[in-house]
Amino acid sequence: MSKLIEELTAMGCEMQMTMSRFLDDEEFYEECFEESLRDKDFEELGKALEENRVDDAFKAAHTLKGVISNMGLTSMMNIVVPVVEALRIGSTEGTAEGYADLLEERKKYLALIGR
């Protein structure tokens, strides 16, 4: 098992199921891991929230939810789901705080790959 997979498991990520989606190809997972943390929708979500574009914020958050889920990043899932659900009903209540928390959590994952 790669160091990254071990660290993610220690962080509470569901890596056994996640790796089965990646056909246990750790190298491919690691490539996708870095790419997913750099997804343009992180920035798009922030811009849309700042500009109060709820529909665009929902689309970006929903996309991130899918990416984060597929990567098995449990702690980020726990943050993004309430943001998505608030935006789904047209509310921005708590979304700015959720977005800030999401970025902070992303930093922890980026640190695993030295970025």
PDB file of N, CA and C in Angstrom:
ATOM      1  N   MET A   1       0.854  -1.181   0.000  1.00  0.00           N
ATOM      2  CA  MET A   1       0.000   0.000   0.000  1.00  0.00           C
ATOM      3  C   MET A   1       0.897   1.240   0.000  1.00  0.00           C
ATOM      4  N   SER A   2       0.550   2.200  -0.833  1.00  0.00           N
ATOM      5  CA  SER A   2       1.366   3.409  -0.937  1.00  0.00           C
ATOM      6  C   SER A   2       1.232   4.255   0.327  1.00  0.00           C
ATOM      7  N   LYS A   3       2.211   5.115   0.502  1.00  0.00           N
ATOM      8  CA  LYS A   3       2.206   6.014   1.663  1.00  0.00           C
ATOM      9  C   LYS A   3       0.958   6.902   1.646  1.00  0.00           C
ATOM     10  N   LEU A   4       0.594   7.418   0.479  1.00  0.00           N
ATOM     11  CA  LEU A   4      -0.583   8.276   0.375  1.00  0.00           C
ATOM     12  C   LEU A   4      -1.840   7.533   0.807  1.00  0.00           C
ATOM     13  N   ILE A   5      -2.014   6.328   0.333  1.00  0.00           N
ATOM     14  CA  ILE A   5      -3.200   5.543   0.684  1.00  0.00           C
ATOM     15  C   ILE A   5      -3.213   5.269   2.187  1.00  0.00           C
ATOM     16  N   GLU A   6      -2.076   4.961   2.750  1.00  0.00           N
ATOM     17  CA  GLU A   6      -1.984   4.745   4.194  1.00  0.00           C
ATOM     18  C   GLU A   6      -2.359   6.005   4.967  1.00  0.00           C
ATOM     19  N   GLU A   7      -1.856   7.152   4.520  1.00  0.00           N
ATOM     20  CA  GLU A   7      -2.159   8.417   5.205  1.00  0.00           C
ATOM     21  C   GLU A   7      -3.640   8.765   5.086  1.00  0.00           C
ATOM     22  N   LEU A   8      -4.212   8.543   3.920  1.00  0.00           N
ATOM     23  CA  LEU A   8      -5.637   8.827   3.742  1.00  0.00           C
ATOM     24  C   LEU A   8      -6.492   7.908   4.610  1.00  0.00           C
ATOM     25  N   THR A   9      -6.105   6.660   4.706  1.00  0.00           N
ATOM     26  CA  THR A   9      -6.819   5.717   5.562  1.00  0.00           C
ATOM     27  C   THR A   9      -6.746   6.182   7.009  1.00  0.00           C
ATOM     28  N   ALA A  10      -5.571   6.618   7.436  1.00  0.00           N
ATOM     29  CA  ALA A  10      -5.397   7.113   8.808  1.00  0.00           C
ATOM     30  C   ALA A  10      -6.231   8.363   9.064  1.00  0.00           C
ATOM     31  N   MET A  11      -6.512   9.132   8.022  1.00  0.00           N
ATOM     32  CA  MET A  11      -7.332  10.344   8.144  1.00  0.00           C
ATOM     33  C   MET A  11      -8.829  10.018   8.138  1.00  0.00           C
ATOM     34  N   GLY A  12      -9.170   8.745   8.005  1.00  0.00           N
ATOM     35  CA  GLY A  12     -10.574   8.353   8.035  1.00  0.00           C
ATOM     36  C   GLY A  12     -11.230   8.227   6.678  1.00  0.00           C
ATOM     37  N   CYS A  13     -10.438   8.275   5.621  1.00  0.00           N
ATOM     38  CA  CYS A  13     -10.993   8.123   4.275  1.00  0.00           C
ATOM     39  C   CYS A  13     -11.305   6.654   4.013  1.00  0.00           C
ATOM     40  N   GLU A  14     -12.352   6.421   3.264  1.00  0.00           N
ATOM     41  CA  GLU A  14     -12.783   5.063   2.920  1.00  0.00           C
ATOM     42  C   GLU A  14     -12.012   4.596   1.689  1.00  0.00           C
ATOM     43  N   MET A  15     -10.809   4.110   1.925  1.00  0.00           N
ATOM     44  CA  MET A  15      -9.933   3.790   0.812  1.00  0.00           C
ATOM     45  C   MET A  15     -10.165   2.409   0.215  1.00  0.00           C
ATOM     46  N   GLN A  16     -10.664   1.474   0.989  1.00  0.00           N
ATOM     47  CA  GLN A  16     -10.879   0.137   0.437  1.00  0.00           C
ATOM     48  C   GLN A  16     -11.902   0.192  -0.699  1.00  0.00           C
ATOM     49  N   MET A  17     -13.031   0.811  -0.458  1.00  0.00           N
ATOM     50  CA  MET A  17     -14.062   0.932  -1.487  1.00  0.00           C
ATOM     51  C   MET A  17     -13.588   1.850  -2.616  1.00  0.00           C
ATOM     52  N   THR A  18     -12.912   2.917  -2.244  1.00  0.00           N
ATOM     53  CA  THR A  18     -12.424   3.852  -3.252  1.00  0.00           C
ATOM     54  C   THR A  18     -11.445   3.180  -4.194  1.00  0.00           C
ATOM     55  N   MET A  19     -10.518   2.432  -3.635  1.00  0.00           N
ATOM     56  CA  MET A  19      -9.521   1.782  -4.482  1.00  0.00           C
ATOM     57  C   MET A  19     -10.149   0.734  -5.409  1.00  0.00           C
ATOM     58  N   SER A  20     -11.240   0.138  -4.973  1.00  0.00           N
ATOM     59  CA  SER A  20     -11.905  -0.810  -5.870  1.00  0.00           C
ATOM     60  C   SER A  20     -12.456  -0.082  -7.095  1.00  0.00           C
ATOM     61  N   ARG A  21     -12.898   1.180  -6.932  1.00  0.00           N
ATOM     62  CA  ARG A  21     -13.347   1.973  -8.085  1.00  0.00           C
ATOM     63  C   ARG A  21     -12.194   2.262  -9.033  1.00  0.00           C
ATOM     64  N   PHE A  22     -10.988   2.310  -8.479  1.00  0.00           N
ATOM     65  CA  PHE A  22      -9.792   2.582  -9.273  1.00  0.00           C
ATOM     66  C   PHE A  22      -9.072   1.287  -9.668  1.00  0.00           C
ATOM     67  N   LEU A  23      -9.779   0.162  -9.523  1.00  0.00           N
ATOM     68  CA  LEU A  23      -9.239  -1.155  -9.865  1.00  0.00           C
ATOM     69  C   LEU A  23      -7.912  -1.414  -9.160  1.00  0.00           C
ATOM     70  N   ASP A  24      -7.811  -0.875  -7.934  1.00  0.00           N
ATOM     71  CA  ASP A  24      -6.620  -1.008  -7.086  1.00  0.00           C
ATOM     72  C   ASP A  24      -5.345  -0.480  -7.742  1.00  0.00           C
ATOM     73  N   ASP A  25      -5.500   0.433  -8.672  1.00  0.00           N
ATOM     74  CA  ASP A  25      -4.351   1.046  -9.337  1.00  0.00           C
ATOM     75  C   ASP A  25      -3.948   2.289  -8.540  1.00  0.00           C
ATOM     76  N   GLU A  26      -3.020   2.120  -7.622  1.00  0.00           N
ATOM     77  CA  GLU A  26      -2.619   3.205  -6.726  1.00  0.00           C
ATOM     78  C   GLU A  26      -1.978   4.366  -7.476  1.00  0.00           C
ATOM     79  N   GLU A  27      -1.203   4.064  -8.491  1.00  0.00           N
ATOM     80  CA  GLU A  27      -0.557   5.129  -9.258  1.00  0.00           C
ATOM     81  C   GLU A  27      -1.606   6.005  -9.940  1.00  0.00           C
ATOM     82  N   PHE A  28      -2.600   5.375 -10.528  1.00  0.00           N
ATOM     83  CA  PHE A  28      -3.670   6.133 -11.179  1.00  0.00           C
ATOM     84  C   PHE A  28      -4.448   6.953 -10.143  1.00  0.00           C
ATOM     85  N   TYR A  29      -4.738   6.342  -8.997  1.00  0.00           N
ATOM     86  CA  TYR A  29      -5.443   7.073  -7.936  1.00  0.00           C
ATOM     87  C   TYR A  29      -4.655   8.318  -7.541  1.00  0.00           C
ATOM     88  N   GLU A  30      -3.357   8.162  -7.349  1.00  0.00           N
ATOM     89  CA  GLU A  30      -2.538   9.291  -6.916  1.00  0.00           C
ATOM     90  C   GLU A  30      -2.545  10.415  -7.941  1.00  0.00           C
ATOM     91  N   GLU A  31      -2.535  10.076  -9.223  1.00  0.00           N
ATOM     92  CA  GLU A  31      -2.636  11.094 -10.267  1.00  0.00           C
ATOM     93  C   GLU A  31      -3.981  11.819 -10.172  1.00  0.00           C
ATOM     94  N   CYS A  32      -5.032  11.060 -10.011  1.00  0.00           N
ATOM     95  CA  CYS A  32      -6.379  11.641  -9.905  1.00  0.00           C
ATOM     96  C   CYS A  32      -6.529  12.446  -8.623  1.00  0.00           C
ATOM     97  N   PHE A  33      -5.896  11.997  -7.552  1.00  0.00           N
ATOM     98  CA  PHE A  33      -5.970  12.679  -6.265  1.00  0.00           C
ATOM     99  C   PHE A  33      -5.483  14.121  -6.411  1.00  0.00           C
ATOM    100  N   GLU A  34      -4.299  14.278  -6.966  1.00  0.00           N
ATOM    101  CA  GLU A  34      -3.755  15.630  -7.122  1.00  0.00           C
ATOM    102  C   GLU A  34      -4.632  16.463  -8.051  1.00  0.00           C
ATOM    103  N   GLU A  35      -5.044  15.867  -9.150  1.00  0.00           N
ATOM    104  CA  GLU A  35      -5.882  16.586 -10.103  1.00  0.00           C
ATOM    105  C   GLU A  35      -7.210  17.008  -9.468  1.00  0.00           C
ATOM    106  N   SER A  36      -7.787  16.140  -8.661  1.00  0.00           N
ATOM    107  CA  SER A  36      -9.083  16.458  -8.046  1.00  0.00           C
ATOM    108  C   SER A  36      -8.967  17.617  -7.059  1.00  0.00           C
ATOM    109  N   LEU A  37      -7.833  17.727  -6.391  1.00  0.00           N
ATOM    110  CA  LEU A  37      -7.646  18.819  -5.435  1.00  0.00           C
ATOM    111  C   LEU A  37      -7.410  20.151  -6.130  1.00  0.00           C
ATOM    112  N   ARG A  38      -7.140  20.098  -7.407  1.00  0.00           N
ATOM    113  CA  ARG A  38      -6.923  21.311  -8.195  1.00  0.00           C
ATOM    114  C   ARG A  38      -8.114  21.608  -9.116  1.00  0.00           C
ATOM    115  N   ASP A  39      -9.218  20.935  -8.885  1.00  0.00           N
ATOM    116  CA  ASP A  39     -10.398  21.106  -9.722  1.00  0.00           C
ATOM    117  C   ASP A  39     -10.805  22.585  -9.767  1.00  0.00           C
ATOM    118  N   LYS A  40     -11.105  23.069 -10.953  1.00  0.00           N
ATOM    119  CA  LYS A  40     -11.486  24.473 -11.146  1.00  0.00           C
ATOM    120  C   LYS A  40     -12.744  24.857 -10.384  1.00  0.00           C
ATOM    121  N   ASP A  41     -13.543  23.876 -10.015  1.00  0.00           N
ATOM    122  CA  ASP A  41     -14.789  24.191  -9.330  1.00  0.00           C
ATOM    123  C   ASP A  41     -14.586  24.682  -7.901  1.00  0.00           C
ATOM    124  N   PHE A  42     -13.420  24.456  -7.314  1.00  0.00           N
ATOM    125  CA  PHE A  42     -13.139  25.065  -6.008  1.00  0.00           C
ATOM    126  C   PHE A  42     -13.178  26.586  -6.143  1.00  0.00           C
ATOM    127  N   GLU A  43     -12.495  27.104  -7.155  1.00  0.00           N
ATOM    128  CA  GLU A  43     -12.468  28.545  -7.374  1.00  0.00           C
ATOM    129  C   GLU A  43     -13.816  29.055  -7.869  1.00  0.00           C
ATOM    130  N   GLU A  44     -14.445  28.302  -8.753  1.00  0.00           N
ATOM    131  CA  GLU A  44     -15.754  28.712  -9.274  1.00  0.00           C
ATOM    132  C   GLU A  44     -16.778  28.822  -8.155  1.00  0.00           C
ATOM    133  N   LEU A  45     -16.746  27.885  -7.222  1.00  0.00           N
ATOM    134  CA  LEU A  45     -17.675  27.938  -6.088  1.00  0.00           C
ATOM    135  C   LEU A  45     -17.466  29.221  -5.297  1.00  0.00           C
ATOM    136  N   GLY A  46     -16.217  29.542  -5.018  1.00  0.00           N
ATOM    137  CA  GLY A  46     -15.924  30.769  -4.264  1.00  0.00           C
ATOM    138  C   GLY A  46     -16.406  32.019  -4.983  1.00  0.00           C
ATOM    139  N   LYS A  47     -16.137  32.099  -6.280  1.00  0.00           N
ATOM    140  CA  LYS A  47     -16.563  33.264  -7.064  1.00  0.00           C
ATOM    141  C   LYS A  47     -18.080  33.365  -7.101  1.00  0.00           C
ATOM    142  N   ALA A  48     -18.736  32.252  -7.336  1.00  0.00           N
ATOM    143  CA  ALA A  48     -20.198  32.260  -7.430  1.00  0.00           C
ATOM    144  C   ALA A  48     -20.834  32.658  -6.097  1.00  0.00           C
ATOM    145  N   LEU A  49     -20.275  32.172  -4.997  1.00  0.00           N
ATOM    146  CA  LEU A  49     -20.808  32.560  -3.686  1.00  0.00           C
ATOM    147  C   LEU A  49     -20.587  34.049  -3.441  1.00  0.00           C
ATOM    148  N   GLU A  50     -19.409  34.517  -3.785  1.00  0.00           N
ATOM    149  CA  GLU A  50     -19.080  35.934  -3.596  1.00  0.00           C
ATOM    150  C   GLU A  50     -20.011  36.842  -4.392  1.00  0.00           C
ATOM    151  N   GLU A  51     -20.374  36.384  -5.583  1.00  0.00           N
ATOM    152  CA  GLU A  51     -21.235  37.170  -6.475  1.00  0.00           C
ATOM    153  C   GLU A  51     -22.715  36.816  -6.325  1.00  0.00           C
ATOM    154  N   ASN A  52     -23.025  35.968  -5.347  1.00  0.00           N
ATOM    155  CA  ASN A  52     -24.396  35.552  -5.054  1.00  0.00           C
ATOM    156  C   ASN A  52     -25.093  34.919  -6.260  1.00  0.00           C
ATOM    157  N   ARG A  53     -24.329  34.147  -7.029  1.00  0.00           N
ATOM    158  CA  ARG A  53     -24.885  33.392  -8.164  1.00  0.00           C
ATOM    159  C   ARG A  53     -25.180  31.975  -7.654  1.00  0.00           C
ATOM    160  N   VAL A  54     -26.350  31.824  -7.071  1.00  0.00           N
ATOM    161  CA  VAL A  54     -26.701  30.581  -6.383  1.00  0.00           C
ATOM    162  C   VAL A  54     -26.704  29.384  -7.318  1.00  0.00           C
ATOM    163  N   ASP A  55     -27.274  29.525  -8.508  1.00  0.00           N
ATOM    164  CA  ASP A  55     -27.318  28.391  -9.446  1.00  0.00           C
ATOM    165  C   ASP A  55     -25.911  27.930  -9.831  1.00  0.00           C
ATOM    166  N   ASP A  56     -25.033  28.893 -10.122  1.00  0.00           N
ATOM    167  CA  ASP A  56     -23.659  28.548 -10.476  1.00  0.00           C
ATOM    168  C   ASP A  56     -22.915  27.944  -9.281  1.00  0.00           C
ATOM    169  N   ALA A  57     -23.178  28.469  -8.101  1.00  0.00           N
ATOM    170  CA  ALA A  57     -22.551  27.929  -6.884  1.00  0.00           C
ATOM    171  C   ALA A  57     -23.011  26.492  -6.671  1.00  0.00           C
ATOM    172  N   PHE A  58     -24.305  26.239  -6.884  1.00  0.00           N
ATOM    173  CA  PHE A  58     -24.817  24.878  -6.731  1.00  0.00           C
ATOM    174  C   PHE A  58     -24.130  23.928  -7.715  1.00  0.00           C
ATOM    175  N   LYS A  59     -24.021  24.342  -8.966  1.00  0.00           N
ATOM    176  CA  LYS A  59     -23.389  23.478  -9.976  1.00  0.00           C
ATOM    177  C   LYS A  59     -21.952  23.146  -9.591  1.00  0.00           C
ATOM    178  N   ALA A  60     -21.207  24.150  -9.157  1.00  0.00           N
ATOM    179  CA  ALA A  60     -19.809  23.924  -8.776  1.00  0.00           C
ATOM    180  C   ALA A  60     -19.723  23.030  -7.539  1.00  0.00           C
ATOM    181  N   ALA A  61     -20.558  23.308  -6.544  1.00  0.00           N
ATOM    182  CA  ALA A  61     -20.537  22.505  -5.314  1.00  0.00           C
ATOM    183  C   ALA A  61     -20.957  21.067  -5.590  1.00  0.00           C
ATOM    184  N   HIS A  62     -21.953  20.896  -6.430  1.00  0.00           N
ATOM    185  CA  HIS A  62     -22.430  19.553  -6.760  1.00  0.00           C
ATOM    186  C   HIS A  62     -21.355  18.763  -7.516  1.00  0.00           C
ATOM    187  N   THR A  63     -20.662  19.426  -8.415  1.00  0.00           N
ATOM    188  CA  THR A  63     -19.558  18.776  -9.126  1.00  0.00           C
ATOM    189  C   THR A  63     -18.466  18.369  -8.143  1.00  0.00           C
ATOM    190  N   LEU A  64     -18.109  19.277  -7.238  1.00  0.00           N
ATOM    191  CA  LEU A  64     -17.093  18.957  -6.236  1.00  0.00           C
ATOM    192  C   LEU A  64     -17.523  17.788  -5.361  1.00  0.00           C
ATOM    193  N   LYS A  65     -18.792  17.757  -5.020  1.00  0.00           N
ATOM    194  CA  LYS A  65     -19.304  16.645  -4.212  1.00  0.00           C
ATOM    195  C   LYS A  65     -19.043  15.318  -4.921  1.00  0.00           C
ATOM    196  N   GLY A  66     -19.299  15.269  -6.215  1.00  0.00           N
ATOM    197  CA  GLY A  66     -19.055  14.044  -6.975  1.00  0.00           C
ATOM    198  C   GLY A  66     -17.583  13.678  -7.025  1.00  0.00           C
ATOM    199  N   VAL A  67     -16.744  14.659  -7.275  1.00  0.00           N
ATOM    200  CA  VAL A  67     -15.300  14.420  -7.338  1.00  0.00           C
ATOM    201  C   VAL A  67     -14.790  13.931  -5.985  1.00  0.00           C
ATOM    202  N   ILE A  68     -15.170  14.637  -4.937  1.00  0.00           N
ATOM    203  CA  ILE A  68     -14.713  14.307  -3.586  1.00  0.00           C
ATOM    204  C   ILE A  68     -15.207  12.923  -3.181  1.00  0.00           C
ATOM    205  N   SER A  69     -16.440  12.619  -3.523  1.00  0.00           N
ATOM    206  CA  SER A  69     -17.002  11.306  -3.203  1.00  0.00           C
ATOM    207  C   SER A  69     -16.238  10.202  -3.917  1.00  0.00           C
ATOM    208  N   ASN A  70     -15.998  10.388  -5.220  1.00  0.00           N
ATOM    209  CA  ASN A  70     -15.275   9.374  -5.988  1.00  0.00           C
ATOM    210  C   ASN A  70     -13.862   9.156  -5.470  1.00  0.00           C
ATOM    211  N   MET A  71     -13.270  10.190  -4.892  1.00  0.00           N
ATOM    212  CA  MET A  71     -11.915  10.075  -4.359  1.00  0.00           C
ATOM    213  C   MET A  71     -11.903   9.522  -2.934  1.00  0.00           C
ATOM    214  N   GLY A  72     -13.081   9.393  -2.321  1.00  0.00           N
ATOM    215  CA  GLY A  72     -13.163   8.815  -0.977  1.00  0.00           C
ATOM    216  C   GLY A  72     -12.706   9.747   0.130  1.00  0.00           C
ATOM    217  N   LEU A  73     -12.751  11.053  -0.096  1.00  0.00           N
ATOM    218  CA  LEU A  73     -12.243  12.030   0.867  1.00  0.00           C
ATOM    219  C   LEU A  73     -13.339  12.402   1.870  1.00  0.00           C
ATOM    220  N   THR A  74     -13.504  11.559   2.848  1.00  0.00           N
ATOM    221  CA  THR A  74     -14.622  11.610   3.788  1.00  0.00           C
ATOM    222  C   THR A  74     -14.768  12.961   4.484  1.00  0.00           C
ATOM    223  N   SER A  75     -13.690  13.504   5.007  1.00  0.00           N
ATOM    224  CA  SER A  75     -13.816  14.760   5.756  1.00  0.00           C
ATOM    225  C   SER A  75     -14.271  15.906   4.854  1.00  0.00           C
ATOM    226  N   MET A  76     -13.841  15.897   3.609  1.00  0.00           N
ATOM    227  CA  MET A  76     -14.305  16.927   2.679  1.00  0.00           C
ATOM    228  C   MET A  76     -15.763  16.689   2.300  1.00  0.00           C
ATOM    229  N   MET A  77     -16.161  15.438   2.186  1.00  0.00           N
ATOM    230  CA  MET A  77     -17.566  15.122   1.900  1.00  0.00           C
ATOM    231  C   MET A  77     -18.466  15.677   2.993  1.00  0.00           C
ATOM    232  N   ASN A  78     -18.025  15.511   4.230  1.00  0.00           N
ATOM    233  CA  ASN A  78     -18.821  15.989   5.358  1.00  0.00           C
ATOM    234  C   ASN A  78     -19.000  17.500   5.347  1.00  0.00           C
ATOM    235  N   ILE A  79     -18.113  18.191   4.686  1.00  0.00           N
ATOM    236  CA  ILE A  79     -18.211  19.654   4.586  1.00  0.00           C
ATOM    237  C   ILE A  79     -19.036  20.065   3.374  1.00  0.00           C
ATOM    238  N   VAL A  80     -18.796  19.429   2.235  1.00  0.00           N
ATOM    239  CA  VAL A  80     -19.428  19.885   0.997  1.00  0.00           C
ATOM    240  C   VAL A  80     -20.915  19.525   0.917  1.00  0.00           C
ATOM    241  N   VAL A  81     -21.320  18.425   1.529  1.00  0.00           N
ATOM    242  CA  VAL A  81     -22.733  18.020   1.438  1.00  0.00           C
ATOM    243  C   VAL A  81     -23.675  19.097   1.979  1.00  0.00           C
ATOM    244  N   PRO A  82     -23.446  19.657   3.179  1.00  0.00           N
ATOM    245  CA  PRO A  82     -24.360  20.713   3.646  1.00  0.00           C
ATOM    246  C   PRO A  82     -24.356  21.951   2.745  1.00  0.00           C
ATOM    247  N   VAL A  83     -23.229  22.253   2.133  1.00  0.00           N
ATOM    248  CA  VAL A  83     -23.162  23.388   1.204  1.00  0.00           C
ATOM    249  C   VAL A  83     -24.049  23.099  -0.008  1.00  0.00           C
ATOM    250  N   VAL A  84     -23.917  21.915  -0.556  1.00  0.00           N
ATOM    251  CA  VAL A  84     -24.730  21.523  -1.711  1.00  0.00           C
ATOM    252  C   VAL A  84     -26.215  21.575  -1.360  1.00  0.00           C
ATOM    253  N   GLU A  85     -26.564  21.019  -0.219  1.00  0.00           N
ATOM    254  CA  GLU A  85     -27.985  20.952   0.150  1.00  0.00           C
ATOM    255  C   GLU A  85     -28.575  22.333   0.394  1.00  0.00           C
ATOM    256  N   ALA A  86     -27.816  23.250   0.995  1.00  0.00           N
ATOM    257  CA  ALA A  86     -28.307  24.623   1.180  1.00  0.00           C
ATOM    258  C   ALA A  86     -28.539  25.278  -0.181  1.00  0.00           C
ATOM    259  N   LEU A  87     -27.564  25.145  -1.051  1.00  0.00           N
ATOM    260  CA  LEU A  87     -27.670  25.762  -2.374  1.00  0.00           C
ATOM    261  C   LEU A  87     -28.779  25.123  -3.209  1.00  0.00           C
ATOM    262  N   ARG A  88     -29.016  23.839  -3.006  1.00  0.00           N
ATOM    263  CA  ARG A  88     -30.072  23.132  -3.743  1.00  0.00           C
ATOM    264  C   ARG A  88     -31.437  23.798  -3.524  1.00  0.00           C
ATOM    265  N   ILE A  89     -31.669  24.300  -2.311  1.00  0.00           N
ATOM    266  CA  ILE A  89     -32.952  24.941  -2.006  1.00  0.00           C
ATOM    267  C   ILE A  89     -32.887  26.461  -2.175  1.00  0.00           C
ATOM    268  N   GLY A  90     -31.762  26.935  -2.751  1.00  0.00           N
ATOM    269  CA  GLY A  90     -31.636  28.359  -3.045  1.00  0.00           C
ATOM    270  C   GLY A  90     -31.145  29.205  -1.892  1.00  0.00           C
ATOM    271  N   SER A  91     -30.658  28.590  -0.854  1.00  0.00           N
ATOM    272  CA  SER A  91     -30.170  29.321   0.309  1.00  0.00           C
ATOM    273  C   SER A  91     -28.647  29.404   0.284  1.00  0.00           C
ATOM    274  N   THR A  92     -28.143  30.531   0.744  1.00  0.00           N
ATOM    275  CA  THR A  92     -26.686  30.658   0.888  1.00  0.00           C
ATOM    276  C   THR A  92     -26.290  30.644   2.364  1.00  0.00           C
ATOM    277  N   GLU A  93     -27.242  30.392   3.228  1.00  0.00           N
ATOM    278  CA  GLU A  93     -26.963  30.390   4.670  1.00  0.00           C
ATOM    279  C   GLU A  93     -25.920  29.326   5.010  1.00  0.00           C
ATOM    280  N   GLY A  94     -24.842  29.781   5.610  1.00  0.00           N
ATOM    281  CA  GLY A  94     -23.777  28.885   6.040  1.00  0.00           C
ATOM    282  C   GLY A  94     -22.830  28.446   4.935  1.00  0.00           C
ATOM    283  N   THR A  95     -23.103  28.850   3.702  1.00  0.00           N
ATOM    284  CA  THR A  95     -22.273  28.358   2.608  1.00  0.00           C
ATOM    285  C   THR A  95     -20.897  29.013   2.563  1.00  0.00           C
ATOM    286  N   ALA A  96     -20.802  30.271   2.936  1.00  0.00           N
ATOM    287  CA  ALA A  96     -19.490  30.939   2.939  1.00  0.00           C
ATOM    288  C   ALA A  96     -18.575  30.276   3.968  1.00  0.00           C
ATOM    289  N   GLU A  97     -19.140  29.971   5.122  1.00  0.00           N
ATOM    290  CA  GLU A  97     -18.364  29.295   6.163  1.00  0.00           C
ATOM    291  C   GLU A  97     -17.991  27.884   5.712  1.00  0.00           C
ATOM    292  N   GLY A  98     -18.931  27.193   5.089  1.00  0.00           N
ATOM    293  CA  GLY A  98     -18.669  25.855   4.584  1.00  0.00           C
ATOM    294  C   GLY A  98     -17.585  25.872   3.518  1.00  0.00           C
ATOM    295  N   TYR A  99     -17.632  26.871   2.667  1.00  0.00           N
ATOM    296  CA  TYR A  99     -16.610  26.995   1.624  1.00  0.00           C
ATOM    297  C   TYR A  99     -15.239  27.226   2.254  1.00  0.00           C
ATOM    298  N   ALA A 100     -15.171  28.111   3.236  1.00  0.00           N
ATOM    299  CA  ALA A 100     -13.896  28.361   3.922  1.00  0.00           C
ATOM    300  C   ALA A 100     -13.374  27.080   4.580  1.00  0.00           C
ATOM    301  N   ASP A 101     -14.275  26.332   5.197  1.00  0.00           N
ATOM    302  CA  ASP A 101     -13.883  25.064   5.828  1.00  0.00           C
ATOM    303  C   ASP A 101     -13.387  24.065   4.779  1.00  0.00           C
ATOM    304  N   LEU A 102     -14.037  24.053   3.632  1.00  0.00           N
ATOM    305  CA  LEU A 102     -13.651  23.147   2.554  1.00  0.00           C
ATOM    306  C   LEU A 102     -12.233  23.458   2.072  1.00  0.00           C
ATOM    307  N   LEU A 103     -11.924  24.740   1.920  1.00  0.00           N
ATOM    308  CA  LEU A 103     -10.580  25.126   1.488  1.00  0.00           C
ATOM    309  C   LEU A 103      -9.527  24.755   2.529  1.00  0.00           C
ATOM    310  N   GLU A 104      -9.868  24.929   3.804  1.00  0.00           N
ATOM    311  CA  GLU A 104      -8.937  24.548   4.866  1.00  0.00           C
ATOM    312  C   GLU A 104      -8.684  23.045   4.862  1.00  0.00           C
ATOM    313  N   GLU A 105      -9.735  22.290   4.666  1.00  0.00           N
ATOM    314  CA  GLU A 105      -9.597  20.835   4.629  1.00  0.00           C
ATOM    315  C   GLU A 105      -8.788  20.410   3.408  1.00  0.00           C
ATOM    316  N   ARG A 106      -9.001  21.079   2.295  1.00  0.00           N
ATOM    317  CA  ARG A 106      -8.241  20.772   1.080  1.00  0.00           C
ATOM    318  C   ARG A 106      -6.750  20.965   1.321  1.00  0.00           C
ATOM    319  N   LYS A 107      -6.381  21.982   2.102  1.00  0.00           N
ATOM    320  CA  LYS A 107      -4.972  22.212   2.412  1.00  0.00           C
ATOM    321  C   LYS A 107      -4.334  21.005   3.087  1.00  0.00           C
ATOM    322  N   LYS A 108      -5.096  20.335   3.950  1.00  0.00           N
ATOM    323  CA  LYS A 108      -4.574  19.147   4.644  1.00  0.00           C
ATOM    324  C   LYS A 108      -4.248  18.040   3.632  1.00  0.00           C
ATOM    325  N   TYR A 109      -5.101  17.888   2.640  1.00  0.00           N
ATOM    326  CA  TYR A 109      -4.871  16.873   1.630  1.00  0.00           C
ATOM    327  C   TYR A 109      -3.726  17.259   0.704  1.00  0.00           C
ATOM    328  N   LEU A 110      -3.650  18.539   0.347  1.00  0.00           N
ATOM    329  CA  LEU A 110      -2.551  19.003  -0.488  1.00  0.00           C
ATOM    330  C   LEU A 110      -1.211  18.812   0.217  1.00  0.00           C
ATOM    331  N   ALA A 111      -1.203  18.953   1.527  1.00  0.00           N
ATOM    332  CA  ALA A 111       0.031  18.762   2.296  1.00  0.00           C
ATOM    333  C   ALA A 111       0.554  17.327   2.172  1.00  0.00           C
ATOM    334  N   LEU A 112      -0.334  16.384   1.938  1.00  0.00           N
ATOM    335  CA  LEU A 112       0.092  15.004   1.783  1.00  0.00           C
ATOM    336  C   LEU A 112       0.940  14.784   0.533  1.00  0.00           C
ATOM    337  N   ILE A 113       0.751  15.661  -0.433  1.00  0.00           N
ATOM    338  CA  ILE A 113       1.533  15.525  -1.665  1.00  0.00           C
ATOM    339  C   ILE A 113       2.539  16.667  -1.798  1.00  0.00           C
ATOM    340  N   GLY A 114       2.763  17.371  -0.697  1.00  0.00           N
ATOM    341  CA  GLY A 114       3.785  18.413  -0.673  1.00  0.00           C
ATOM    342  C   GLY A 114       3.463  19.632  -1.487  1.00  0.00           C
ATOM    343  N   ARG A 115       2.210  19.990  -1.569  1.00  0.00           N
ATOM    344  CA  ARG A 115       1.795  21.173  -2.337  1.00  0.00           C
ATOM    345  C   ARG A 115       1.219  22.228  -1.423  1.00  0.00           C
TER     346      ARG A 115
END
